[in-house]
PDB file of all heavy atoms in Angstrom:
ATOM      1  N   ARG A   1       0.803  -1.221   0.000  1.00  0.00           N
ATOM      2  CA  ARG A   1       0.000   0.000   0.000  1.00  0.00           C
ATOM      3  C   ARG A   1       0.833   1.267   0.000  1.00  0.00           C
ATOM      4  O   ARG A   1       0.410   2.285  -0.543  1.00  0.00           O
ATOM      5  CB  ARG A   1      -0.938   0.026   1.207  1.00  0.00           C
ATOM      6  CG  ARG A   1      -1.955  -1.103   1.217  1.00  0.00           C
ATOM      7  CD  ARG A   1      -2.968  -0.928   2.350  1.00  0.00           C
ATOM      8  NE  ARG A   1      -2.317  -0.988   3.664  1.00  0.00           N
ATOM      9  CZ  ARG A   1      -2.244   0.028   4.518  1.00  0.00           C
ATOM     10  NH1 ARG A   1      -2.784   1.206   4.217  1.00  0.00           N
ATOM     11  NH2 ARG A   1      -1.642  -0.130   5.687  1.00  0.00           N
ATOM     12  N   PHE A   2       2.001   1.221   0.638  1.00  0.00           N
ATOM     13  CA  PHE A   2       2.870   2.389   0.748  1.00  0.00           C
ATOM     14  C   PHE A   2       4.101   2.196  -0.127  1.00  0.00           C
ATOM     15  O   PHE A   2       4.589   1.070  -0.303  1.00  0.00           O
ATOM     16  CB  PHE A   2       3.346   2.595   2.181  1.00  0.00           C
ATOM     17  CG  PHE A   2       2.300   3.054   3.161  1.00  0.00           C
ATOM     18  CD1 PHE A   2       0.945   3.046   2.858  1.00  0.00           C
ATOM     19  CD2 PHE A   2       2.693   3.507   4.417  1.00  0.00           C
ATOM     20  CE1 PHE A   2      -0.004   3.463   3.773  1.00  0.00           C
ATOM     21  CE2 PHE A   2       1.759   3.929   5.344  1.00  0.00           C
ATOM     22  CZ  PHE A   2       0.410   3.909   5.021  1.00  0.00           C
ATOM     23  N   THR A   3       4.633   3.298  -0.644  1.00  0.00           N
ATOM     24  CA  THR A   3       5.871   3.278  -1.415  1.00  0.00           C
ATOM     25  C   THR A   3       6.784   4.390  -0.928  1.00  0.00           C
ATOM     26  O   THR A   3       6.391   5.558  -0.910  1.00  0.00           O
ATOM     27  CB  THR A   3       5.606   3.451  -2.912  1.00  0.00           C
ATOM     28  OG1 THR A   3       4.739   2.417  -3.379  1.00  0.00           O
ATOM     29  CG2 THR A   3       6.918   3.396  -3.693  1.00  0.00           C
ATOM     30  N   ILE A   4       7.998   4.024  -0.542  1.00  0.00           N
ATOM     31  CA  ILE A   4       9.013   5.007  -0.205  1.00  0.00           C
ATOM     32  C   ILE A   4       9.906   5.219  -1.428  1.00  0.00           C
ATOM     33  O   ILE A   4      10.240   4.271  -2.136  1.00  0.00           O
ATOM     34  CB  ILE A   4       9.835   4.578   1.030  1.00  0.00           C
ATOM     35  CG1 ILE A   4      10.777   5.703   1.475  1.00  0.00           C
ATOM     36  CG2 ILE A   4      10.594   3.284   0.780  1.00  0.00           C
ATOM     37  CD1 ILE A   4      11.457   5.436   2.819  1.00  0.00           C
ATOM     38  N   SER A   5      10.274   6.453  -1.673  1.00  0.00           N
ATOM     39  CA  SER A   5      11.157   6.775  -2.783  1.00  0.00           C
ATOM     40  C   SER A   5      12.014   7.974  -2.398  1.00  0.00           C
ATOM     41  O   SER A   5      11.740   8.649  -1.411  1.00  0.00           O
ATOM     42  CB  SER A   5      10.361   7.058  -4.059  1.00  0.00           C
ATOM     43  OG  SER A   5       9.508   8.176  -3.889  1.00  0.00           O
ATOM     44  N   ARG A   6      13.055   8.218  -3.180  1.00  0.00           N
ATOM     45  CA  ARG A   6      13.883   9.382  -2.919  1.00  0.00           C
ATOM     46  C   ARG A   6      14.369   9.985  -4.220  1.00  0.00           C
ATOM     47  O   ARG A   6      14.535   9.288  -5.225  1.00  0.00           O
ATOM     48  CB  ARG A   6      15.067   9.031  -2.003  1.00  0.00           C
ATOM     49  CG  ARG A   6      16.103   8.111  -2.617  1.00  0.00           C
ATOM     50  CD  ARG A   6      17.068   7.584  -1.549  1.00  0.00           C
ATOM     51  NE  ARG A   6      17.867   8.647  -0.955  1.00  0.00           N
ATOM     52  CZ  ARG A   6      18.540   8.519   0.188  1.00  0.00           C
ATOM     53  NH1 ARG A   6      18.495   7.371   0.866  1.00  0.00           N
ATOM     54  NH2 ARG A   6      19.249   9.542   0.657  1.00  0.00           N
ATOM     55  N   ASP A   7      14.605  11.275  -4.182  1.00  0.00           N
ATOM     56  CA  ASP A   7      15.171  12.014  -5.299  1.00  0.00           C
ATOM     57  C   ASP A   7      16.404  12.711  -4.758  1.00  0.00           C
ATOM     58  O   ASP A   7      16.304  13.756  -4.114  1.00  0.00           O
ATOM     59  CB  ASP A   7      14.161  13.005  -5.863  1.00  0.00           C
ATOM     60  CG  ASP A   7      14.656  13.705  -7.111  1.00  0.00           C
ATOM     61  OD1 ASP A   7      15.875  13.725  -7.358  1.00  0.00           O
ATOM     62  OD2 ASP A   7      13.811  14.247  -7.856  1.00  0.00           O
ATOM     63  N   ASN A   8      17.566  12.118  -4.986  1.00  0.00           N
ATOM     64  CA  ASN A   8      18.789  12.666  -4.415  1.00  0.00           C
ATOM     65  C   ASN A   8      19.159  14.021  -5.020  1.00  0.00           C
ATOM     66  O   ASN A   8      19.835  14.822  -4.371  1.00  0.00           O
ATOM     67  CB  ASN A   8      19.939  11.671  -4.570  1.00  0.00           C
ATOM     68  CG  ASN A   8      19.829  10.510  -3.600  1.00  0.00           C
ATOM     69  OD1 ASN A   8      19.037  10.533  -2.660  1.00  0.00           O
ATOM     70  ND2 ASN A   8      20.629   9.479  -3.829  1.00  0.00           N
ATOM     71  N   ALA A   9      18.744  14.276  -6.247  1.00  0.00           N
ATOM     72  CA  ALA A   9      18.994  15.577  -6.853  1.00  0.00           C
ATOM     73  C   ALA A   9      18.221  16.680  -6.152  1.00  0.00           C
ATOM     74  O   ALA A   9      18.640  17.838  -6.150  1.00  0.00           O
ATOM     75  CB  ALA A   9      18.654  15.551  -8.332  1.00  0.00           C
ATOM     76  N   GLU A  10      17.078  16.322  -5.555  1.00  0.00           N
ATOM     77  CA  GLU A  10      16.254  17.289  -4.841  1.00  0.00           C
ATOM     78  C   GLU A  10      16.382  17.161  -3.327  1.00  0.00           C
ATOM     79  O   GLU A  10      15.696  17.885  -2.594  1.00  0.00           O
ATOM     80  CB  GLU A  10      14.792  17.128  -5.245  1.00  0.00           C
ATOM     81  CG  GLU A  10      14.524  17.445  -6.709  1.00  0.00           C
ATOM     82  CD  GLU A  10      14.717  18.906  -7.028  1.00  0.00           C
ATOM     83  OE1 GLU A  10      14.526  19.757  -6.129  1.00  0.00           O
ATOM     84  OE2 GLU A  10      15.073  19.218  -8.185  1.00  0.00           O
ATOM     85  N   ASN A  11      17.222  16.266  -2.847  1.00  0.00           N
ATOM     86  CA  ASN A  11      17.429  16.055  -1.407  1.00  0.00           C
ATOM     87  C   ASN A  11      16.113  15.781  -0.683  1.00  0.00           C
ATOM     88  O   ASN A  11      15.854  16.326   0.398  1.00  0.00           O
ATOM     89  CB  ASN A  11      18.135  17.256  -0.776  1.00  0.00           C
ATOM     90  CG  ASN A  11      19.552  17.436  -1.254  1.00  0.00           C
ATOM     91  OD1 ASN A  11      20.175  16.511  -1.781  1.00  0.00           O
ATOM     92  ND2 ASN A  11      20.091  18.633  -1.053  1.00  0.00           N
ATOM     93  N   THR A  12      15.301  14.930  -1.274  1.00  0.00           N
ATOM     94  CA  THR A  12      13.962  14.698  -0.747  1.00  0.00           C
ATOM     95  C   THR A  12      13.634  13.210  -0.750  1.00  0.00           C
ATOM     96  O   THR A  12      13.955  12.500  -1.706  1.00  0.00           O
ATOM     97  CB  THR A  12      12.913  15.458  -1.562  1.00  0.00           C
ATOM     98  OG1 THR A  12      13.237  16.858  -1.561  1.00  0.00           O
ATOM     99  CG2 THR A  12      11.521  15.284  -0.977  1.00  0.00           C
ATOM    100  N   VAL A  13      12.977  12.763   0.318  1.00  0.00           N
ATOM    101  CA  VAL A  13      12.431  11.420   0.397  1.00  0.00           C
ATOM    102  C   VAL A  13      10.918  11.537   0.513  1.00  0.00           C
ATOM    103  O   VAL A  13      10.405  12.476   1.138  1.00  0.00           O
ATOM    104  CB  VAL A  13      13.046  10.621   1.568  1.00  0.00           C
ATOM    105  CG1 VAL A  13      12.720  11.268   2.910  1.00  0.00           C
ATOM    106  CG2 VAL A  13      12.596   9.169   1.534  1.00  0.00           C
ATOM    107  N   TYR A  14      10.206  10.595  -0.100  1.00  0.00           N
ATOM    108  CA  TYR A  14       8.753  10.625  -0.157  1.00  0.00           C
ATOM    109  C   TYR A  14       8.162   9.353   0.434  1.00  0.00           C
ATOM    110  O   TYR A  14       8.794   8.298   0.454  1.00  0.00           O
ATOM    111  CB  TYR A  14       8.271  10.737  -1.604  1.00  0.00           C
ATOM    112  CG  TYR A  14       8.822  11.913  -2.358  1.00  0.00           C
ATOM    113  CD1 TYR A  14       9.960  11.784  -3.144  1.00  0.00           C
ATOM    114  CD2 TYR A  14       8.198  13.152  -2.290  1.00  0.00           C
ATOM    115  CE1 TYR A  14      10.471  12.860  -3.843  1.00  0.00           C
ATOM    116  CE2 TYR A  14       8.700  14.235  -2.992  1.00  0.00           C
ATOM    117  CZ  TYR A  14       9.835  14.085  -3.767  1.00  0.00           C
ATOM    118  OH  TYR A  14      10.334  15.161  -4.461  1.00  0.00           O
ATOM    119  N   LEU A  15       6.935   9.474   0.884  1.00  0.00           N
ATOM    120  CA  LEU A  15       6.142   8.307   1.242  1.00  0.00           C
ATOM    121  C   LEU A  15       4.777   8.461   0.594  1.00  0.00           C
ATOM    122  O   LEU A  15       4.012   9.354   0.967  1.00  0.00           O
ATOM    123  CB  LEU A  15       6.001   8.163   2.758  1.00  0.00           C
ATOM    124  CG  LEU A  15       5.302   6.889   3.226  1.00  0.00           C
ATOM    125  CD1 LEU A  15       6.160   5.659   2.923  1.00  0.00           C
ATOM    126  CD2 LEU A  15       4.983   6.957   4.716  1.00  0.00           C
ATOM    127  N   GLN A  16       4.504   7.618  -0.394  1.00  0.00           N
ATOM    128  CA  GLN A  16       3.206   7.583  -1.047  1.00  0.00           C
ATOM    129  C   GLN A  16       2.349   6.538  -0.342  1.00  0.00           C
ATOM    130  O   GLN A  16       2.725   5.370  -0.283  1.00  0.00           O
ATOM    131  CB  GLN A  16       3.355   7.236  -2.522  1.00  0.00           C
ATOM    132  CG  GLN A  16       2.037   7.122  -3.269  1.00  0.00           C
ATOM    133  CD  GLN A  16       1.338   8.446  -3.406  1.00  0.00           C
ATOM    134  OE1 GLN A  16       1.890   9.386  -3.978  1.00  0.00           O
ATOM    135  NE2 GLN A  16       0.122   8.540  -2.889  1.00  0.00           N
ATOM    136  N   MET A  17       1.212   6.961   0.177  1.00  0.00           N
ATOM    137  CA  MET A  17       0.348   6.099   0.966  1.00  0.00           C
ATOM    138  C   MET A  17      -0.983   5.926   0.251  1.00  0.00           C
ATOM    139  O   MET A  17      -1.614   6.912  -0.136  1.00  0.00           O
ATOM    140  CB  MET A  17       0.123   6.691   2.356  1.00  0.00           C
ATOM    141  CG  MET A  17       1.414   6.887   3.141  1.00  0.00           C
ATOM    142  SD  MET A  17       1.147   7.650   4.767  1.00  0.00           S
ATOM    143  CE  MET A  17       0.855   9.350   4.261  1.00  0.00           C
ATOM    144  N   HIS A  18      -1.403   4.678   0.081  1.00  0.00           N
ATOM    145  CA  HIS A  18      -2.685   4.341  -0.524  1.00  0.00           C
ATOM    146  C   HIS A  18      -3.515   3.520   0.454  1.00  0.00           C
ATOM    147  O   HIS A  18      -2.995   2.875   1.350  1.00  0.00           O
ATOM    148  CB  HIS A  18      -2.493   3.541  -1.810  1.00  0.00           C
ATOM    149  CG  HIS A  18      -1.839   4.295  -2.921  1.00  0.00           C
ATOM    150  ND1 HIS A  18      -2.407   5.400  -3.499  1.00  0.00           N
ATOM    151  CD2 HIS A  18      -0.659   4.085  -3.564  1.00  0.00           C
ATOM    152  CE1 HIS A  18      -1.616   5.851  -4.453  1.00  0.00           C
ATOM    153  NE2 HIS A  18      -0.547   5.071  -4.512  1.00  0.00           N
ATOM    154  N   SER A  19      -4.819   3.529   0.227  1.00  0.00           N
ATOM    155  CA  SER A  19      -5.762   2.735   1.020  1.00  0.00           C
ATOM    156  C   SER A  19      -5.555   2.954   2.513  1.00  0.00           C
ATOM    157  O   SER A  19      -5.475   2.009   3.302  1.00  0.00           O
ATOM    158  CB  SER A  19      -5.632   1.251   0.663  1.00  0.00           C
ATOM    159  OG  SER A  19      -5.880   1.038  -0.709  1.00  0.00           O
ATOM    160  N   LEU A  20      -5.495   4.199   2.908  1.00  0.00           N
ATOM    161  CA  LEU A  20      -5.217   4.538   4.299  1.00  0.00           C
ATOM    162  C   LEU A  20      -6.336   4.071   5.225  1.00  0.00           C
ATOM    163  O   LEU A  20      -7.517   4.132   4.879  1.00  0.00           O
ATOM    164  CB  LEU A  20      -4.999   6.033   4.446  1.00  0.00           C
ATOM    165  CG  LEU A  20      -3.600   6.492   4.037  1.00  0.00           C
ATOM    166  CD1 LEU A  20      -3.594   7.975   3.718  1.00  0.00           C
ATOM    167  CD2 LEU A  20      -2.600   6.178   5.143  1.00  0.00           C
ATOM    168  N   LYS A  21      -5.941   3.635   6.407  1.00  0.00           N
ATOM    169  CA  LYS A  21      -6.843   3.105   7.413  1.00  0.00           C
ATOM    170  C   LYS A  21      -6.932   4.052   8.598  1.00  0.00           C
ATOM    171  O   LYS A  21      -5.999   4.801   8.882  1.00  0.00           O
ATOM    172  CB  LYS A  21      -6.353   1.733   7.881  1.00  0.00           C
ATOM    173  CG  LYS A  21      -6.173   0.726   6.767  1.00  0.00           C
ATOM    174  CD  LYS A  21      -5.536  -0.553   7.281  1.00  0.00           C
ATOM    175  CE  LYS A  21      -5.335  -1.550   6.163  1.00  0.00           C
ATOM    176  NZ  LYS A  21      -4.700  -2.800   6.651  1.00  0.00           N
ATOM    177  N   LEU A  22      -8.048   3.986   9.323  1.00  0.00           N
ATOM    178  CA  LEU A  22      -8.255   4.857  10.472  1.00  0.00           C
ATOM    179  C   LEU A  22      -7.121   4.739  11.483  1.00  0.00           C
ATOM    180  O   LEU A  22      -6.682   5.749  12.049  1.00  0.00           O
ATOM    181  CB  LEU A  22      -9.581   4.542  11.151  1.00  0.00           C
ATOM    182  CG  LEU A  22     -10.854   4.926  10.408  1.00  0.00           C
ATOM    183  CD1 LEU A  22     -12.066   4.424  11.176  1.00  0.00           C
ATOM    184  CD2 LEU A  22     -10.936   6.434  10.216  1.00  0.00           C
ATOM    185  N   GLU A  23      -6.657   3.529  11.724  1.00  0.00           N
ATOM    186  CA  GLU A  23      -5.633   3.304  12.732  1.00  0.00           C
ATOM    187  C   GLU A  23      -4.256   3.818  12.318  1.00  0.00           C
ATOM    188  O   GLU A  23      -3.317   3.770  13.113  1.00  0.00           O
ATOM    189  CB  GLU A  23      -5.542   1.819  13.099  1.00  0.00           C
ATOM    190  CG  GLU A  23      -5.198   0.909  11.929  1.00  0.00           C
ATOM    191  CD  GLU A  23      -6.414   0.311  11.253  1.00  0.00           C
ATOM    192  OE1 GLU A  23      -7.463   0.990  11.184  1.00  0.00           O
ATOM    193  OE2 GLU A  23      -6.327  -0.852  10.787  1.00  0.00           O
ATOM    194  N   GLU A  24      -4.145   4.314  11.087  1.00  0.00           N
ATOM    195  CA  GLU A  24      -2.880   4.877  10.627  1.00  0.00           C
ATOM    196  C   GLU A  24      -2.782   6.380  10.851  1.00  0.00           C
ATOM    197  O   GLU A  24      -1.821   7.010  10.398  1.00  0.00           O
ATOM    198  CB  GLU A  24      -2.658   4.506   9.164  1.00  0.00           C
ATOM    199  CG  GLU A  24      -2.409   3.009   9.022  1.00  0.00           C
ATOM    200  CD  GLU A  24      -2.282   2.514   7.605  1.00  0.00           C
ATOM    201  OE1 GLU A  24      -3.074   2.945   6.734  1.00  0.00           O
ATOM    202  OE2 GLU A  24      -1.377   1.683   7.366  1.00  0.00           O
ATOM    203  N   THR A  25      -3.760   6.939  11.544  1.00  0.00           N
ATOM    204  CA  THR A  25      -3.638   8.312  12.012  1.00  0.00           C
ATOM    205  C   THR A  25      -2.440   8.417  12.952  1.00  0.00           C
ATOM    206  O   THR A  25      -2.344   7.680  13.930  1.00  0.00           O
ATOM    207  CB  THR A  25      -4.913   8.746  12.734  1.00  0.00           C
ATOM    208  OG1 THR A  25      -5.980   8.845  11.796  1.00  0.00           O
ATOM    209  CG2 THR A  25      -4.726  10.097  13.413  1.00  0.00           C
ATOM    210  N   ALA A  26      -1.517   9.315  12.649  1.00  0.00           N
ATOM    211  CA  ALA A  26      -0.287   9.413  13.426  1.00  0.00           C
ATOM    212  C   ALA A  26       0.509  10.614  12.962  1.00  0.00           C
ATOM    213  O   ALA A  26       0.236  11.204  11.914  1.00  0.00           O
ATOM    214  CB  ALA A  26       0.555   8.141  13.265  1.00  0.00           C
ATOM    215  N   VAL A  27       1.514  10.956  13.760  1.00  0.00           N
ATOM    216  CA  VAL A  27       2.550  11.869  13.315  1.00  0.00           C
ATOM    217  C   VAL A  27       3.599  11.048  12.576  1.00  0.00           C
ATOM    218  O   VAL A  27       4.164  10.108  13.142  1.00  0.00           O
ATOM    219  CB  VAL A  27       3.182  12.632  14.487  1.00  0.00           C
ATOM    220  CG1 VAL A  27       4.370  13.471  14.002  1.00  0.00           C
ATOM    221  CG2 VAL A  27       2.152  13.527  15.165  1.00  0.00           C
ATOM    222  N   TYR A  28       3.846  11.398  11.339  1.00  0.00           N
ATOM    223  CA  TYR A  28       4.817  10.698  10.514  1.00  0.00           C
ATOM    224  C   TYR A  28       6.106  11.497  10.482  1.00  0.00           C
ATOM    225  O   TYR A  28       6.108  12.682  10.134  1.00  0.00           O
ATOM    226  CB  TYR A  28       4.276  10.504   9.095  1.00  0.00           C
ATOM    227  CG  TYR A  28       3.226   9.427   9.000  1.00  0.00           C
ATOM    228  CD1 TYR A  28       1.970   9.602   9.566  1.00  0.00           C
ATOM    229  CD2 TYR A  28       3.498   8.221   8.352  1.00  0.00           C
ATOM    230  CE1 TYR A  28       1.005   8.614   9.499  1.00  0.00           C
ATOM    231  CE2 TYR A  28       2.541   7.228   8.277  1.00  0.00           C
ATOM    232  CZ  TYR A  28       1.304   7.428   8.847  1.00  0.00           C
ATOM    233  OH  TYR A  28       0.348   6.432   8.773  1.00  0.00           O
ATOM    234  N   SER A  29       7.216  10.853  10.847  1.00  0.00           N
ATOM    235  CA  SER A  29       8.514  11.506  10.909  1.00  0.00           C
ATOM    236  C   SER A  29       9.499  10.821   9.984  1.00  0.00           C
ATOM    237  O   SER A  29       9.483   9.597   9.854  1.00  0.00           O
ATOM    238  CB  SER A  29       9.070  11.472  12.334  1.00  0.00           C
ATOM    239  OG  SER A  29       8.215  12.146  13.238  1.00  0.00           O
ATOM    240  N   CYS A  30      10.365  11.591   9.367  1.00  0.00           N
ATOM    241  CA  CYS A  30      11.457  10.997   8.609  1.00  0.00           C
ATOM    242  C   CYS A  30      12.724  11.009   9.439  1.00  0.00           C
ATOM    243  O   CYS A  30      12.882  11.812  10.366  1.00  0.00           O
ATOM    244  CB  CYS A  30      11.663  11.694   7.258  1.00  0.00           C
ATOM    245  SG  CYS A  30      12.259  13.392   7.343  1.00  0.00           S
ATOM    246  N   ALA A  31      13.625  10.095   9.124  1.00  0.00           N
ATOM    247  CA  ALA A  31      14.855   9.929   9.875  1.00  0.00           C
ATOM    248  C   ALA A  31      15.981   9.543   8.933  1.00  0.00           C
ATOM    249  O   ALA A  31      15.754   8.936   7.889  1.00  0.00           O
ATOM    250  CB  ALA A  31      14.679   8.861  10.953  1.00  0.00           C
ATOM    251  N   ALA A  32      17.206   9.890   9.329  1.00  0.00           N
ATOM    252  CA  ALA A  32      18.398   9.618   8.531  1.00  0.00           C
ATOM    253  C   ALA A  32      19.421   8.856   9.349  1.00  0.00           C
ATOM    254  O   ALA A  32      19.634   9.160  10.526  1.00  0.00           O
ATOM    255  CB  ALA A  32      19.001  10.920   8.022  1.00  0.00           C
ATOM    256  N   ALA A  33      20.056   7.868   8.718  1.00  0.00           N
ATOM    257  CA  ALA A  33      21.104   7.079   9.348  1.00  0.00           C
ATOM    258  C   ALA A  33      22.301   6.980   8.418  1.00  0.00           C
ATOM    259  O   ALA A  33      22.144   6.863   7.197  1.00  0.00           O
ATOM    260  CB  ALA A  33      20.592   5.684   9.692  1.00  0.00           C
ATOM    261  N   ARG A  34      23.491   6.976   8.999  1.00  0.00           N
ATOM    262  CA  ARG A  34      24.716   6.908   8.209  1.00  0.00           C
ATOM    263  C   ARG A  34      25.111   5.493   7.834  1.00  0.00           C
ATOM    264  O   ARG A  34      25.731   5.270   6.798  1.00  0.00           O
ATOM    265  CB  ARG A  34      25.874   7.547   8.987  1.00  0.00           C
ATOM    266  CG  ARG A  34      25.792   9.058   9.137  1.00  0.00           C
ATOM    267  CD  ARG A  34      25.990   9.761   7.799  1.00  0.00           C
ATOM    268  NE  ARG A  34      27.250   9.399   7.149  1.00  0.00           N
ATOM    269  CZ  ARG A  34      28.414   9.987   7.373  1.00  0.00           C
ATOM    270  NH1 ARG A  34      28.491  10.998   8.244  1.00  0.00           N
ATOM    271  NH2 ARG A  34      29.498   9.589   6.719  1.00  0.00           N
ATOM    272  N   TYR A  35      24.764   4.491   8.652  1.00  0.00           N
ATOM    273  CA  TYR A  35      25.445   3.207   8.584  1.00  0.00           C
ATOM    274  C   TYR A  35      24.610   2.012   8.170  1.00  0.00           C
ATOM    275  O   TYR A  35      25.181   0.987   7.781  1.00  0.00           O
ATOM    276  CB  TYR A  35      26.092   2.909   9.940  1.00  0.00           C
ATOM    277  CG  TYR A  35      27.026   3.989  10.391  1.00  0.00           C
ATOM    278  CD1 TYR A  35      26.738   4.755  11.522  1.00  0.00           C
ATOM    279  CD2 TYR A  35      28.192   4.255   9.689  1.00  0.00           C
ATOM    280  CE1 TYR A  35      27.589   5.756  11.935  1.00  0.00           C
ATOM    281  CE2 TYR A  35      29.051   5.261  10.094  1.00  0.00           C
ATOM    282  CZ  TYR A  35      28.745   6.005  11.219  1.00  0.00           C
ATOM    283  OH  TYR A  35      29.597   7.001  11.629  1.00  0.00           O
TER     284      TYR A  35
END
C-alpha cells in the first residue's frame, strides 16, 4: 500500500500512501542514518 522513494537531486524522500486506514492516524517523521 505504501511506497518510499527518494530524489537525491532534490534532497527529498517521499512516502506515497494508498488505502489509508483509520488506525494509521499518526505523526509521521522521517529519519536519517549513516550506517
